[in-house]
């Protein structure tokens, strides 16, 4: 499948007109956040800085996990 075809198929999917979850900074206090495909850890680190009690980052790329750990350690969010 070519990228243009995939984009066309996904672009036609129905979307939520009124999502039930709110995305505000206060939503994370005391919560558990799982970031699947965490890459360099940006989402997980931001979640920790915004008050998440536990953050779990998962990735299939060991180098990504190394970078995410280094980034978290530099910001002291472990």
PDB file of N, CA and C in Angstrom:
ATOM      1  N   UNK A   1       0.855  -1.174   0.000  1.00  0.00           N
ATOM      2  CA  UNK A   1       0.000   0.000   0.000  1.00  0.00           C
ATOM      3  C   UNK A   1       0.898   1.233   0.000  1.00  0.00           C
ATOM      4  N   UNK A   2       0.567   2.157  -0.814  1.00  0.00           N
ATOM      5  CA  UNK A   2       1.339   3.399  -0.888  1.00  0.00           C
ATOM      6  C   UNK A   2       0.846   4.378   0.178  1.00  0.00           C
ATOM      7  N   UNK A   3       1.742   5.288   0.575  1.00  0.00           N
ATOM      8  CA  UNK A   3       1.439   6.251   1.630  1.00  0.00           C
ATOM      9  C   UNK A   3       0.205   7.089   1.294  1.00  0.00           C
ATOM     10  N   UNK A   4       0.091   7.542   0.064  1.00  0.00           N
ATOM     11  CA  UNK A   4      -1.067   8.363  -0.338  1.00  0.00           C
ATOM     12  C   UNK A   4      -2.363   7.583  -0.158  1.00  0.00           C
ATOM     13  N   UNK A   5      -2.348   6.305  -0.499  1.00  0.00           N
ATOM     14  CA  UNK A   5      -3.546   5.477  -0.350  1.00  0.00           C
ATOM     15  C   UNK A   5      -3.895   5.314   1.131  1.00  0.00           C
ATOM     16  N   UNK A   6      -2.878   5.064   1.960  1.00  0.00           N
ATOM     17  CA  UNK A   6      -3.096   4.936   3.399  1.00  0.00           C
ATOM     18  C   UNK A   6      -3.655   6.229   3.988  1.00  0.00           C
ATOM     19  N   UNK A   7      -3.075   7.360   3.607  1.00  0.00           N
ATOM     20  CA  UNK A   7      -3.563   8.657   4.080  1.00  0.00           C
ATOM     21  C   UNK A   7      -5.022   8.868   3.696  1.00  0.00           C
ATOM     22  N   UNK A   8      -5.361   8.491   2.462  1.00  0.00           N
ATOM     23  CA  UNK A   8      -6.738   8.633   2.006  1.00  0.00           C
ATOM     24  C   UNK A   8      -7.710   7.787   2.811  1.00  0.00           C
ATOM     25  N   UNK A   9      -7.324   6.553   3.089  1.00  0.00           N
ATOM     26  CA  UNK A   9      -8.183   5.670   3.867  1.00  0.00           C
ATOM     27  C   UNK A   9      -8.353   6.178   5.302  1.00  0.00           C
ATOM     28  N   UNK A  10      -7.257   6.545   5.942  1.00  0.00           N
ATOM     29  CA  UNK A  10      -7.325   7.002   7.329  1.00  0.00           C
ATOM     30  C   UNK A  10      -8.007   8.360   7.448  1.00  0.00           C
ATOM     31  N   UNK A  11      -7.808   9.203   6.447  1.00  0.00           N
ATOM     32  CA  UNK A  11      -8.430  10.527   6.464  1.00  0.00           C
ATOM     33  C   UNK A  11      -9.940  10.477   6.379  1.00  0.00           C
ATOM     34  N   UNK A  12     -10.477   9.389   5.870  1.00  0.00           N
ATOM     35  CA  UNK A  12     -11.926   9.251   5.738  1.00  0.00           C
ATOM     36  C   UNK A  12     -12.604   8.632   6.946  1.00  0.00           C
ATOM     37  N   UNK A  13     -11.843   8.261   7.965  1.00  0.00           N
ATOM     38  CA  UNK A  13     -12.441   7.648   9.156  1.00  0.00           C
ATOM     39  C   UNK A  13     -13.226   8.672   9.969  1.00  0.00           C
ATOM     40  N   UNK A  14     -14.265   8.186  10.638  1.00  0.00           N
ATOM     41  CA  UNK A  14     -15.054   9.061  11.496  1.00  0.00           C
ATOM     42  C   UNK A  14     -14.217   9.527  12.680  1.00  0.00           C
ATOM     43  N   UNK A  15     -14.475  10.726  13.133  1.00  0.00           N
ATOM     44  CA  UNK A  15     -13.783  11.309  14.279  1.00  0.00           C
ATOM     45  C   UNK A  15     -14.797  11.632  15.365  1.00  0.00           C
ATOM     46  N   UNK A  16     -14.330  11.801  16.590  1.00  0.00           N
ATOM     47  CA  UNK A  16     -15.193  12.222  17.683  1.00  0.00           C
ATOM     48  C   UNK A  16     -15.585  13.677  17.481  1.00  0.00           C
ATOM     49  N   UNK A  17     -16.858  13.959  17.551  1.00  0.00           N
ATOM     50  CA  UNK A  17     -17.281  15.362  17.471  1.00  0.00           C
ATOM     51  C   UNK A  17     -17.278  15.993  18.858  1.00  0.00           C
ATOM     52  N   UNK A  18     -17.428  15.162  19.890  1.00  0.00           N
ATOM     53  CA  UNK A  18     -17.466  15.655  21.263  1.00  0.00           C
ATOM     54  C   UNK A  18     -16.759  14.646  22.168  1.00  0.00           C
ATOM     55  N   UNK A  19     -15.415  14.641  22.205  1.00  0.00           N
ATOM     56  CA  UNK A  19     -14.688  13.663  23.020  1.00  0.00           C
ATOM     57  C   UNK A  19     -15.068  13.761  24.493  1.00  0.00           C
ATOM     58  N   UNK A  20     -15.105  12.605  25.157  1.00  0.00           N
ATOM     59  CA  UNK A  20     -15.490  12.561  26.568  1.00  0.00           C
ATOM     60  C   UNK A  20     -14.358  12.921  27.506  1.00  0.00           C
ATOM     61  N   UNK A  21     -13.136  12.772  27.053  1.00  0.00           N
ATOM     62  CA  UNK A  21     -11.978  13.103  27.895  1.00  0.00           C
ATOM     63  C   UNK A  21     -11.553  14.534  27.623  1.00  0.00           C
ATOM     64  N   UNK A  22     -11.247  15.240  28.699  1.00  0.00           N
ATOM     65  CA  UNK A  22     -10.738  16.604  28.555  1.00  0.00           C
ATOM     66  C   UNK A  22      -9.225  16.572  28.638  1.00  0.00           C
ATOM     67  N   UNK A  23      -8.600  17.410  27.878  1.00  0.00           N
ATOM     68  CA  UNK A  23      -7.141  17.487  27.891  1.00  0.00           C
ATOM     69  C   UNK A  23      -6.717  18.782  28.552  1.00  0.00           C
ATOM     70  N   UNK A  24      -6.650  18.739  29.870  1.00  0.00           N
ATOM     71  CA  UNK A  24      -6.172  19.888  30.615  1.00  0.00           C
ATOM     72  C   UNK A  24      -5.005  19.447  31.479  1.00  0.00           C
ATOM     73  N   UNK A  25      -4.195  20.391  31.882  1.00  0.00           N
ATOM     74  CA  UNK A  25      -3.008  20.051  32.646  1.00  0.00           C
ATOM     75  C   UNK A  25      -3.340  19.388  33.979  1.00  0.00           C
ATOM     76  N   UNK A  26      -4.447  19.731  34.606  1.00  0.00           N
ATOM     77  CA  UNK A  26      -4.804  19.161  35.892  1.00  0.00           C
ATOM     78  C   UNK A  26      -5.233  17.709  35.826  1.00  0.00           C
ATOM     79  N   UNK A  27      -5.485  17.196  34.634  1.00  0.00           N
ATOM     80  CA  UNK A  27      -5.953  15.826  34.476  1.00  0.00           C
ATOM     81  C   UNK A  27      -4.934  14.783  34.914  1.00  0.00           C
ATOM     82  N   UNK A  28      -3.658  15.117  34.954  1.00  0.00           N
ATOM     83  CA  UNK A  28      -2.619  14.118  35.184  1.00  0.00           C
ATOM     84  C   UNK A  28      -2.241  13.923  36.644  1.00  0.00           C
ATOM     85  N   UNK A  29      -2.641  14.792  37.522  1.00  0.00           N
ATOM     86  CA  UNK A  29      -2.246  14.674  38.921  1.00  0.00           C
ATOM     87  C   UNK A  29      -2.657  13.329  39.501  1.00  0.00           C
ATOM     88  N   UNK A  30      -1.646  12.577  39.959  1.00  0.00           N
ATOM     89  CA  UNK A  30      -1.889  11.295  40.603  1.00  0.00           C
ATOM     90  C   UNK A  30      -2.251  10.162  39.662  1.00  0.00           C
ATOM     91  N   UNK A  31      -2.190  10.362  38.357  1.00  0.00           N
ATOM     92  CA  UNK A  31      -2.596   9.348  37.388  1.00  0.00           C
ATOM     93  C   UNK A  31      -1.404   8.503  36.945  1.00  0.00           C
ATOM     94  N   UNK A  32      -1.715   7.380  36.303  1.00  0.00           N
ATOM     95  CA  UNK A  32      -0.719   6.524  35.674  1.00  0.00           C
ATOM     96  C   UNK A  32      -0.803   6.779  34.177  1.00  0.00           C
ATOM     97  N   UNK A  33       0.339   7.034  33.541  1.00  0.00           N
ATOM     98  CA  UNK A  33       0.398   7.312  32.108  1.00  0.00           C
ATOM     99  C   UNK A  33       1.265   6.252  31.448  1.00  0.00           C
ATOM    100  N   UNK A  34       0.737   5.644  30.385  1.00  0.00           N
ATOM    101  CA  UNK A  34       1.506   4.697  29.582  1.00  0.00           C
ATOM    102  C   UNK A  34       1.704   5.303  28.199  1.00  0.00           C
ATOM    103  N   UNK A  35       2.954   5.376  27.774  1.00  0.00           N
ATOM    104  CA  UNK A  35       3.294   5.930  26.465  1.00  0.00           C
ATOM    105  C   UNK A  35       3.870   4.802  25.614  1.00  0.00           C
ATOM    106  N   UNK A  36       3.034   4.252  24.730  1.00  0.00           N
ATOM    107  CA  UNK A  36       3.456   3.161  23.860  1.00  0.00           C
ATOM    108  C   UNK A  36       4.079   3.750  22.607  1.00  0.00           C
ATOM    109  N   UNK A  37       5.313   3.359  22.330  1.00  0.00           N
ATOM    110  CA  UNK A  37       6.066   3.969  21.247  1.00  0.00           C
ATOM    111  C   UNK A  37       6.633   5.289  21.720  1.00  0.00           C
ATOM    112  N   UNK A  38       7.257   5.261  22.903  1.00  0.00           N
ATOM    113  CA  UNK A  38       7.639   6.489  23.604  1.00  0.00           C
ATOM    114  C   UNK A  38       8.757   7.282  22.944  1.00  0.00           C
ATOM    115  N   UNK A  39       9.514   6.652  22.042  1.00  0.00           N
ATOM    116  CA  UNK A  39      10.595   7.395  21.392  1.00  0.00           C
ATOM    117  C   UNK A  39      11.556   7.978  22.413  1.00  0.00           C
ATOM    118  N   UNK A  40      11.796   9.270  22.338  1.00  0.00           N
ATOM    119  CA  UNK A  40      12.759   9.919  23.244  1.00  0.00           C
ATOM    120  C   UNK A  40      12.133  10.312  24.582  1.00  0.00           C
ATOM    121  N   UNK A  41      10.879   9.969  24.809  1.00  0.00           N
ATOM    122  CA  UNK A  41      10.263  10.148  26.117  1.00  0.00           C
ATOM    123  C   UNK A  41       9.546  11.460  26.359  1.00  0.00           C
ATOM    124  N   UNK A  42       9.319  12.240  25.330  1.00  0.00           N
ATOM    125  CA  UNK A  42       8.741  13.571  25.509  1.00  0.00           C
ATOM    126  C   UNK A  42       7.385  13.544  26.218  1.00  0.00           C
ATOM    127  N   UNK A  43       6.467  12.694  25.750  1.00  0.00           N
ATOM    128  CA  UNK A  43       5.133  12.643  26.358  1.00  0.00           C
ATOM    129  C   UNK A  43       5.203  12.185  27.814  1.00  0.00           C
ATOM    130  N   UNK A  44       5.991  11.145  28.072  1.00  0.00           N
ATOM    131  CA  UNK A  44       6.120  10.639  29.432  1.00  0.00           C
ATOM    132  C   UNK A  44       6.753  11.649  30.370  1.00  0.00           C
ATOM    133  N   UNK A  45       7.786  12.317  29.915  1.00  0.00           N
ATOM    134  CA  UNK A  45       8.460  13.328  30.734  1.00  0.00           C
ATOM    135  C   UNK A  45       7.512  14.485  31.024  1.00  0.00           C
ATOM    136  N   UNK A  46       6.797  14.936  29.999  1.00  0.00           N
ATOM    137  CA  UNK A  46       5.831  16.018  30.208  1.00  0.00           C
ATOM    138  C   UNK A  46       4.765  15.589  31.206  1.00  0.00           C
ATOM    139  N   UNK A  47       4.304  14.345  31.117  1.00  0.00           N
ATOM    140  CA  UNK A  47       3.291  13.836  32.046  1.00  0.00           C
ATOM    141  C   UNK A  47       3.801  13.844  33.479  1.00  0.00           C
ATOM    142  N   UNK A  48       5.050  13.415  33.665  1.00  0.00           N
ATOM    143  CA  UNK A  48       5.642  13.413  35.004  1.00  0.00           C
ATOM    144  C   UNK A  48       5.768  14.831  35.544  1.00  0.00           C
ATOM    145  N   UNK A  49       6.220  15.740  34.688  1.00  0.00           N
ATOM    146  CA  UNK A  49       6.366  17.134  35.125  1.00  0.00           C
ATOM    147  C   UNK A  49       5.015  17.772  35.468  1.00  0.00           C
ATOM    148  N   UNK A  50       3.935  17.250  34.863  1.00  0.00           N
ATOM    149  CA  UNK A  50       2.597  17.795  35.114  1.00  0.00           C
ATOM    150  C   UNK A  50       1.854  17.037  36.211  1.00  0.00           C
ATOM    151  N   UNK A  51       2.564  16.156  36.939  1.00  0.00           N
ATOM    152  CA  UNK A  51       1.976  15.561  38.129  1.00  0.00           C
ATOM    153  C   UNK A  51       1.562  14.114  38.055  1.00  0.00           C
ATOM    154  N   UNK A  52       1.834  13.408  36.956  1.00  0.00           N
ATOM    155  CA  UNK A  52       1.492  11.991  36.897  1.00  0.00           C
ATOM    156  C   UNK A  52       2.251  11.245  37.988  1.00  0.00           C
ATOM    157  N   UNK A  53       1.568  10.325  38.666  1.00  0.00           N
ATOM    158  CA  UNK A  53       2.198   9.587  39.756  1.00  0.00           C
ATOM    159  C   UNK A  53       3.179   8.538  39.227  1.00  0.00           C
ATOM    160  N   UNK A  54       2.810   7.844  38.154  1.00  0.00           N
ATOM    161  CA  UNK A  54       3.667   6.838  37.528  1.00  0.00           C
ATOM    162  C   UNK A  54       3.607   7.036  36.016  1.00  0.00           C
ATOM    163  N   UNK A  55       4.766   6.884  35.373  1.00  0.00           N
ATOM    164  CA  UNK A  55       4.839   6.977  33.915  1.00  0.00           C
ATOM    165  C   UNK A  55       5.588   5.759  33.409  1.00  0.00           C
ATOM    166  N   UNK A  56       5.003   5.099  32.416  1.00  0.00           N
ATOM    167  CA  UNK A  56       5.616   3.928  31.815  1.00  0.00           C
ATOM    168  C   UNK A  56       5.833   4.219  30.340  1.00  0.00           C
ATOM    169  N   UNK A  57       7.073   4.114  29.888  1.00  0.00           N
ATOM    170  CA  UNK A  57       7.392   4.296  28.481  1.00  0.00           C
ATOM    171  C   UNK A  57       7.763   2.964  27.858  1.00  0.00           C
ATOM    172  N   UNK A  58       7.158   2.633  26.731  1.00  0.00           N
ATOM    173  CA  UNK A  58       7.401   1.369  26.047  1.00  0.00           C
ATOM    174  C   UNK A  58       7.819   1.668  24.613  1.00  0.00           C
ATOM    175  N   UNK A  59       8.871   0.999  24.156  1.00  0.00           N
ATOM    176  CA  UNK A  59       9.291   1.151  22.772  1.00  0.00           C
ATOM    177  C   UNK A  59      10.031  -0.110  22.350  1.00  0.00           C
ATOM    178  N   UNK A  60       9.993  -0.438  21.070  1.00  0.00           N
ATOM    179  CA  UNK A  60      10.703  -1.608  20.564  1.00  0.00           C
ATOM    180  C   UNK A  60      12.156  -1.288  20.222  1.00  0.00           C
ATOM    181  N   UNK A  61      12.502  -0.020  20.221  1.00  0.00           N
ATOM    182  CA  UNK A  61      13.850   0.419  19.859  1.00  0.00           C
ATOM    183  C   UNK A  61      14.660   0.684  21.125  1.00  0.00           C
ATOM    184  N   UNK A  62      15.657  -0.169  21.417  1.00  0.00           N
ATOM    185  CA  UNK A  62      16.462   0.020  22.623  1.00  0.00           C
ATOM    186  C   UNK A  62      17.148   1.393  22.693  1.00  0.00           C
ATOM    187  N   UNK A  63      17.552   1.933  21.541  1.00  0.00           N
ATOM    188  CA  UNK A  63      18.189   3.248  21.534  1.00  0.00           C
ATOM    189  C   UNK A  63      17.205   4.329  21.982  1.00  0.00           C
ATOM    190  N   UNK A  64      15.954   4.213  21.582  1.00  0.00           N
ATOM    191  CA  UNK A  64      14.930   5.167  22.028  1.00  0.00           C
ATOM    192  C   UNK A  64      14.787   5.126  23.540  1.00  0.00           C
ATOM    193  N   UNK A  65      14.779   3.913  24.103  1.00  0.00           N
ATOM    194  CA  UNK A  65      14.639   3.777  25.557  1.00  0.00           C
ATOM    195  C   UNK A  65      15.840   4.370  26.287  1.00  0.00           C
ATOM    196  N   UNK A  66      17.033   4.184  25.729  1.00  0.00           N
ATOM    197  CA  UNK A  66      18.234   4.778  26.319  1.00  0.00           C
ATOM    198  C   UNK A  66      18.123   6.305  26.335  1.00  0.00           C
ATOM    199  N   UNK A  67      17.703   6.867  25.202  1.00  0.00           N
ATOM    200  CA  UNK A  67      17.571   8.322  25.111  1.00  0.00           C
ATOM    201  C   UNK A  67      16.490   8.823  26.057  1.00  0.00           C
ATOM    202  N   UNK A  68      15.376   8.106  26.134  1.00  0.00           N
ATOM    203  CA  UNK A  68      14.285   8.507  27.048  1.00  0.00           C
ATOM    204  C   UNK A  68      14.774   8.496  28.495  1.00  0.00           C
ATOM    205  N   UNK A  69      15.545   7.486  28.864  1.00  0.00           N
ATOM    206  CA  UNK A  69      16.077   7.411  30.238  1.00  0.00           C
ATOM    207  C   UNK A  69      17.036   8.565  30.514  1.00  0.00           C
ATOM    208  N   UNK A  70      17.888   8.886  29.568  1.00  0.00           N
ATOM    209  CA  UNK A  70      18.827   9.997  29.729  1.00  0.00           C
ATOM    210  C   UNK A  70      18.054  11.302  29.867  1.00  0.00           C
ATOM    211  N   UNK A  71      17.059  11.511  29.004  1.00  0.00           N
ATOM    212  CA  UNK A  71      16.259  12.739  29.069  1.00  0.00           C
ATOM    213  C   UNK A  71      15.536  12.875  30.406  1.00  0.00           C
ATOM    214  N   UNK A  72      14.965  11.771  30.888  1.00  0.00           N
ATOM    215  CA  UNK A  72      14.267  11.803  32.171  1.00  0.00           C
ATOM    216  C   UNK A  72      15.231  12.096  33.316  1.00  0.00           C
ATOM    217  N   UNK A  73      16.409  11.500  33.255  1.00  0.00           N
ATOM    218  CA  UNK A  73      17.406  11.724  34.313  1.00  0.00           C
ATOM    219  C   UNK A  73      17.875  13.170  34.326  1.00  0.00           C
ATOM    220  N   UNK A  74      18.051  13.751  33.138  1.00  0.00           N
ATOM    221  CA  UNK A  74      18.496  15.156  33.061  1.00  0.00           C
ATOM    222  C   UNK A  74      17.475  16.095  33.680  1.00  0.00           C
ATOM    223  N   UNK A  75      16.203  15.745  33.579  1.00  0.00           N
ATOM    224  CA  UNK A  75      15.145  16.598  34.154  1.00  0.00           C
ATOM    225  C   UNK A  75      14.701  16.099  35.525  1.00  0.00           C
ATOM    226  N   UNK A  76      15.377  15.040  36.015  1.00  0.00           N
ATOM    227  CA  UNK A  76      15.096  14.481  37.338  1.00  0.00           C
ATOM    228  C   UNK A  76      13.618  14.141  37.518  1.00  0.00           C
ATOM    229  N   UNK A  77      13.057  13.385  36.554  1.00  0.00           N
ATOM    230  CA  UNK A  77      11.664  12.972  36.646  1.00  0.00           C
ATOM    231  C   UNK A  77      11.530  11.460  36.813  1.00  0.00           C
ATOM    232  N   UNK A  78      12.591  10.794  37.259  1.00  0.00           N
ATOM    233  CA  UNK A  78      12.546   9.340  37.425  1.00  0.00           C
ATOM    234  C   UNK A  78      11.695   8.962  38.600  1.00  0.00           C
TER     235      UNK A  78
END
